[in-house]
């Protein structure tokens, strides 16, 4: 599989972004998630390779180039939720993953890259989640199936594009995960044990985004 270069990925962002402001927001978030994932790859937890169960069972070897592309592409579907004036459709935000999957598929990218979009929301969405919460998504399971998909999903949990954008500690996101249904906090806690926590301090200073240590 050919993995697109950083410049090709940026061109896709520029193609889909309706305004310069949305481009800056989404692309910066994707770049930050990439930095977090690469940090986790560079300093792996001693638990990497441990068996996390049938839904979370990554192999110890990951493809860094695939992880990088997945991070840089995972949120591209957010652009489809902005109007031409840059107003975000918050009510349908949960659809950004499947929208991104469709956008990348239509752009000719392989399924392995498209899945980074549809399989990174929360700590994975199941058919039961969709039915029980009446989510506006096609029936199906949107969960990471490869170690690369899992790492991108995990790294994404440590930064938010909200206004103003913030970094999130593991403890902060764990509290948020509870809202998404039974077992979600436990799933995230298992990921923290598996991958460890990133050091957000330097990134916070570099990007000027505060570290949120409590939930609203």
Protein backbone atom coordinates (compact mmCIF):
# COMPACT_ATOMS: atom_id res chain seq x y z
CA UNK A 1 0.00 0.00 0.00
CA UNK A 2 1.30 3.43 -0.92
CA UNK A 3 1.13 5.89 1.96
CA UNK A 4 0.62 9.54 0.94
CA UNK A 5 3.31 12.05 1.82
CA UNK A 6 2.81 14.88 4.29
CA UNK A 7 2.46 17.34 1.42
CA UNK A 8 -0.19 15.18 -0.26
CA UNK A 9 -2.09 14.94 3.01
CA UNK A 10 -1.91 18.70 3.50
CA UNK A 11 -3.27 19.16 -0.03
CA UNK A 12 -6.28 17.04 0.94
CA UNK A 13 -6.86 19.22 4.00
CA UNK A 14 -6.63 22.35 1.86
CA UNK A 15 -9.01 20.83 -0.69
CA UNK A 16 -11.73 20.09 1.86
CA UNK A 17 -11.37 22.96 4.35
CA UNK A 18 -14.07 25.61 3.76
CA UNK A 19 -12.10 28.42 5.44
CA UNK A 20 -8.48 29.14 6.48
CA UNK A 21 -9.62 29.07 10.11
CA UNK A 22 -11.07 25.56 9.85
CA UNK A 23 -7.91 24.41 8.07
CA UNK A 24 -5.76 25.75 10.89
CA UNK A 25 -7.94 24.17 13.58
CA UNK A 26 -8.26 20.69 12.09
CA UNK A 27 -4.77 20.40 10.62
CA UNK A 28 -3.11 21.64 13.81
CA UNK A 29 -5.08 19.09 15.84
CA UNK A 30 -4.05 16.29 13.46
CA UNK A 31 -0.40 17.37 13.70
CA UNK A 32 -0.58 17.41 17.50
CA UNK A 33 -2.12 13.94 17.57
CA UNK A 34 0.73 12.81 15.32
CA UNK A 35 3.28 14.27 17.73
CA UNK A 36 1.62 12.47 20.64
CA UNK A 37 1.52 9.14 18.79
CA UNK A 38 5.16 9.44 17.75
CA UNK A 39 6.11 10.21 21.35
CA UNK A 40 4.33 7.07 22.51
CA UNK A 41 6.07 5.04 19.82
CA UNK A 42 9.46 6.43 20.82
CA UNK A 43 8.98 5.67 24.52
CA UNK A 44 6.81 2.56 24.61
CA UNK A 45 5.24 1.40 27.85
CA UNK A 46 6.59 -1.93 29.15
CA UNK A 47 3.04 -3.22 28.76
CA UNK A 48 3.00 -2.81 24.97
CA UNK A 49 2.32 -6.22 23.50
CA UNK A 50 0.23 -7.34 26.46
CA UNK A 51 -3.09 -8.99 25.68
CA UNK A 52 -5.96 -6.55 26.24
CA UNK A 53 -8.74 -8.92 25.24
CA UNK A 54 -10.55 -9.68 21.96
CA UNK A 55 -11.33 -6.04 21.16
CA UNK A 56 -7.96 -4.61 22.23
CA UNK A 57 -5.21 -7.01 21.28
CA UNK A 58 -2.50 -5.14 19.37
CA UNK A 59 0.68 -6.72 18.09
CA UNK A 60 3.90 -5.17 19.44
CA UNK A 61 5.16 -4.02 16.03
CA UNK A 62 3.55 -0.96 14.48
CA UNK A 63 4.20 0.76 11.15
CA UNK A 64 5.31 4.33 12.05
CA UNK A 65 4.59 5.67 8.56
CA UNK A 66 1.05 4.29 8.66
CA UNK A 67 0.52 5.73 12.15
CA UNK A 68 1.72 9.13 10.94
CA UNK A 69 -0.62 9.14 7.94
CA UNK A 70 -3.51 7.95 10.10
CA UNK A 71 -2.96 10.74 12.60
CA UNK A 72 -2.74 13.40 9.90
CA UNK A 73 -5.90 12.15 8.18
CA UNK A 74 -8.15 10.97 11.02
CA UNK A 75 -10.20 14.17 11.47
CA UNK A 76 -10.55 15.24 7.86
CA UNK A 77 -14.29 14.54 7.98
CA UNK A 78 -14.79 17.47 10.35
CA UNK A 79 -14.58 19.81 7.35
CA UNK A 80 -17.84 18.37 6.02
CA UNK A 81 -19.62 19.65 9.13
CA UNK A 82 -18.64 23.28 8.60
CA UNK A 83 -20.65 25.62 6.42
CA UNK A 84 -18.94 28.10 4.10
CA UNK A 85 -18.78 30.67 6.89
CA UNK A 86 -16.99 28.27 9.22
CA UNK A 87 -19.91 27.45 11.53
CA UNK A 88 -19.72 23.90 12.88
CA UNK A 89 -22.72 21.57 12.97
CA UNK A 90 -22.20 20.41 16.56
CA UNK A 91 -25.34 18.26 16.59
CA UNK A 92 -23.90 15.93 13.96
CA UNK A 93 -20.29 16.01 15.10
CA UNK A 94 -20.31 12.30 15.89
CA UNK A 95 -20.70 11.71 12.13
CA UNK A 96 -17.32 13.23 11.30
CA UNK A 97 -15.61 9.84 11.35
CA UNK A 98 -17.83 8.18 8.77
CA UNK A 99 -17.85 11.38 6.70
CA UNK A 100 -14.07 11.36 6.64
CA UNK A 101 -14.05 7.70 5.64
CA UNK A 102 -16.30 8.52 2.69
CA UNK A 103 -14.25 11.58 1.69
CA UNK A 104 -10.98 9.64 1.63
CA UNK A 105 -12.57 6.70 -0.19
CA UNK A 106 -13.96 9.05 -2.83
CA UNK A 107 -10.49 10.62 -3.13
CA UNK A 108 -9.11 7.19 -4.01
CA UNK A 109 -7.33 6.36 -0.78
CA UNK A 110 -7.20 2.71 0.36
CA UNK A 111 -9.53 1.33 2.98
CA UNK A 112 -6.69 0.97 5.47
CA UNK A 113 -6.33 4.76 5.53
CA UNK A 114 -10.06 5.51 5.40
CA UNK A 115 -10.60 3.45 8.55
CA UNK A 116 -8.54 5.85 10.65
CA UNK A 117 -11.43 8.28 10.23
CA UNK A 118 -14.34 5.98 11.02
CA UNK A 119 -12.66 4.05 13.85
CA UNK A 120 -11.22 6.75 16.13
CA UNK A 121 -14.35 8.22 17.78
CA UNK A 122 -14.27 7.85 21.56
CA UNK A 123 -12.67 4.51 22.36
CA UNK A 124 -14.60 2.82 19.56
CA UNK A 125 -18.30 2.65 18.80
CA UNK A 126 -20.24 -0.61 18.66
CA UNK A 127 -23.54 -1.52 17.09
CA UNK A 128 -25.00 -1.57 20.60
CA UNK A 129 -23.71 1.94 21.30
CA UNK A 130 -25.39 3.21 18.15
CA UNK A 131 -28.70 1.53 18.90
CA UNK A 132 -28.82 2.29 22.61
CA UNK A 133 -27.84 5.95 22.24
CA UNK A 134 -29.80 6.51 19.01
CA UNK A 135 -26.69 7.83 17.30
CA UNK A 136 -27.06 9.22 13.76
CA UNK A 137 -24.73 6.61 12.26
CA UNK A 138 -25.22 3.67 9.90
CA UNK A 139 -25.50 0.38 11.81
CA UNK A 140 -22.12 -1.22 12.36
CA UNK A 141 -19.08 -1.52 14.59
CA UNK A 142 -16.59 1.34 14.36
CA UNK A 143 -13.73 0.03 16.43
CA UNK A 144 -9.99 -0.16 15.78
CA UNK A 145 -8.89 -3.52 14.43
CA UNK A 146 -5.16 -2.92 13.93
CA UNK A 147 -2.49 -1.66 16.35
CA UNK A 148 -2.02 1.43 14.15
CA UNK A 149 -5.75 2.27 14.29
CA UNK A 150 -5.75 1.74 18.04
CA UNK A 151 -2.76 4.00 18.66
CA UNK A 152 -4.21 6.83 16.53
CA UNK A 153 -7.51 6.54 18.41
CA UNK A 154 -5.68 6.64 21.75
CA UNK A 155 -3.41 9.57 20.88
CA UNK A 156 -6.45 11.56 19.73
CA UNK A 157 -7.90 11.48 23.25
CA UNK A 158 -5.21 13.83 24.60
CA UNK A 159 -6.13 16.92 22.55
CA UNK A 160 -9.38 18.74 21.85
CA UNK A 161 -10.15 21.20 19.03
CA UNK A 162 -12.73 23.02 21.15
CA UNK A 163 -12.45 26.79 21.59
CA UNK A 164 -9.92 27.37 22.97
CA UNK A 165 -8.15 24.12 22.08
CA UNK A 166 -6.74 22.17 25.02
CA UNK A 167 -4.69 19.15 25.93
CA UNK A 168 -6.37 16.55 28.14
CA UNK A 169 -4.72 14.43 30.80
CA UNK A 170 -5.55 10.74 30.97
CA UNK A 171 -7.53 11.34 34.17
CA UNK A 172 -9.55 14.08 32.49
CA UNK A 173 -10.44 11.96 29.47
CA UNK A 174 -11.27 8.96 31.67
CA UNK A 175 -13.99 11.05 33.32
CA UNK A 176 -15.30 12.09 29.90
CA UNK A 177 -15.30 8.47 28.70
CA UNK A 178 -17.88 7.54 31.33
CA UNK A 179 -20.46 9.57 29.46
CA UNK A 180 -20.21 7.34 26.39
CA UNK A 181 -21.61 4.25 28.01
CA UNK A 182 -20.83 1.23 30.20
CA UNK A 183 -17.29 -0.04 29.95
CA UNK A 184 -15.84 2.94 28.07
CA UNK A 185 -13.81 4.22 31.01
CA UNK A 186 -12.44 0.72 31.63
CA UNK A 187 -11.48 0.43 27.97
CA UNK A 188 -9.63 3.74 28.11
CA UNK A 189 -7.92 2.79 31.38
CA UNK A 190 -6.69 -0.41 29.73
CA UNK A 191 -5.24 1.67 26.90
CA UNK A 192 -3.45 3.93 29.39
CA UNK A 193 -1.95 0.88 31.06
CA UNK A 194 -0.95 -0.51 27.69
CA UNK A 195 0.58 2.56 26.03
CA UNK A 196 1.42 4.80 28.97
CA UNK A 197 0.69 8.53 29.12
CA UNK A 198 2.28 11.13 26.85
CA UNK A 199 4.22 14.08 28.25
CA UNK A 200 2.01 17.03 27.30
CA UNK A 201 3.97 19.82 28.97
CA UNK A 202 6.35 20.62 26.12
CA UNK A 203 3.57 20.40 23.54
CA UNK A 204 1.40 22.71 25.65
CA UNK A 205 4.15 25.33 25.69
CA UNK A 206 4.91 24.92 21.99
CA UNK A 207 1.31 25.28 20.79
CA UNK A 208 0.05 27.59 23.52
CA UNK A 209 -2.81 25.25 24.43
CA UNK A 210 -3.51 24.75 28.14
CA UNK A 211 -3.63 21.34 29.77
CA UNK A 212 -7.12 20.64 31.10
CA UNK A 213 -6.95 18.72 34.35
CA UNK A 214 -10.62 18.77 35.30
CA UNK A 215 -13.84 18.14 33.40
CA UNK A 216 -16.45 20.86 32.98
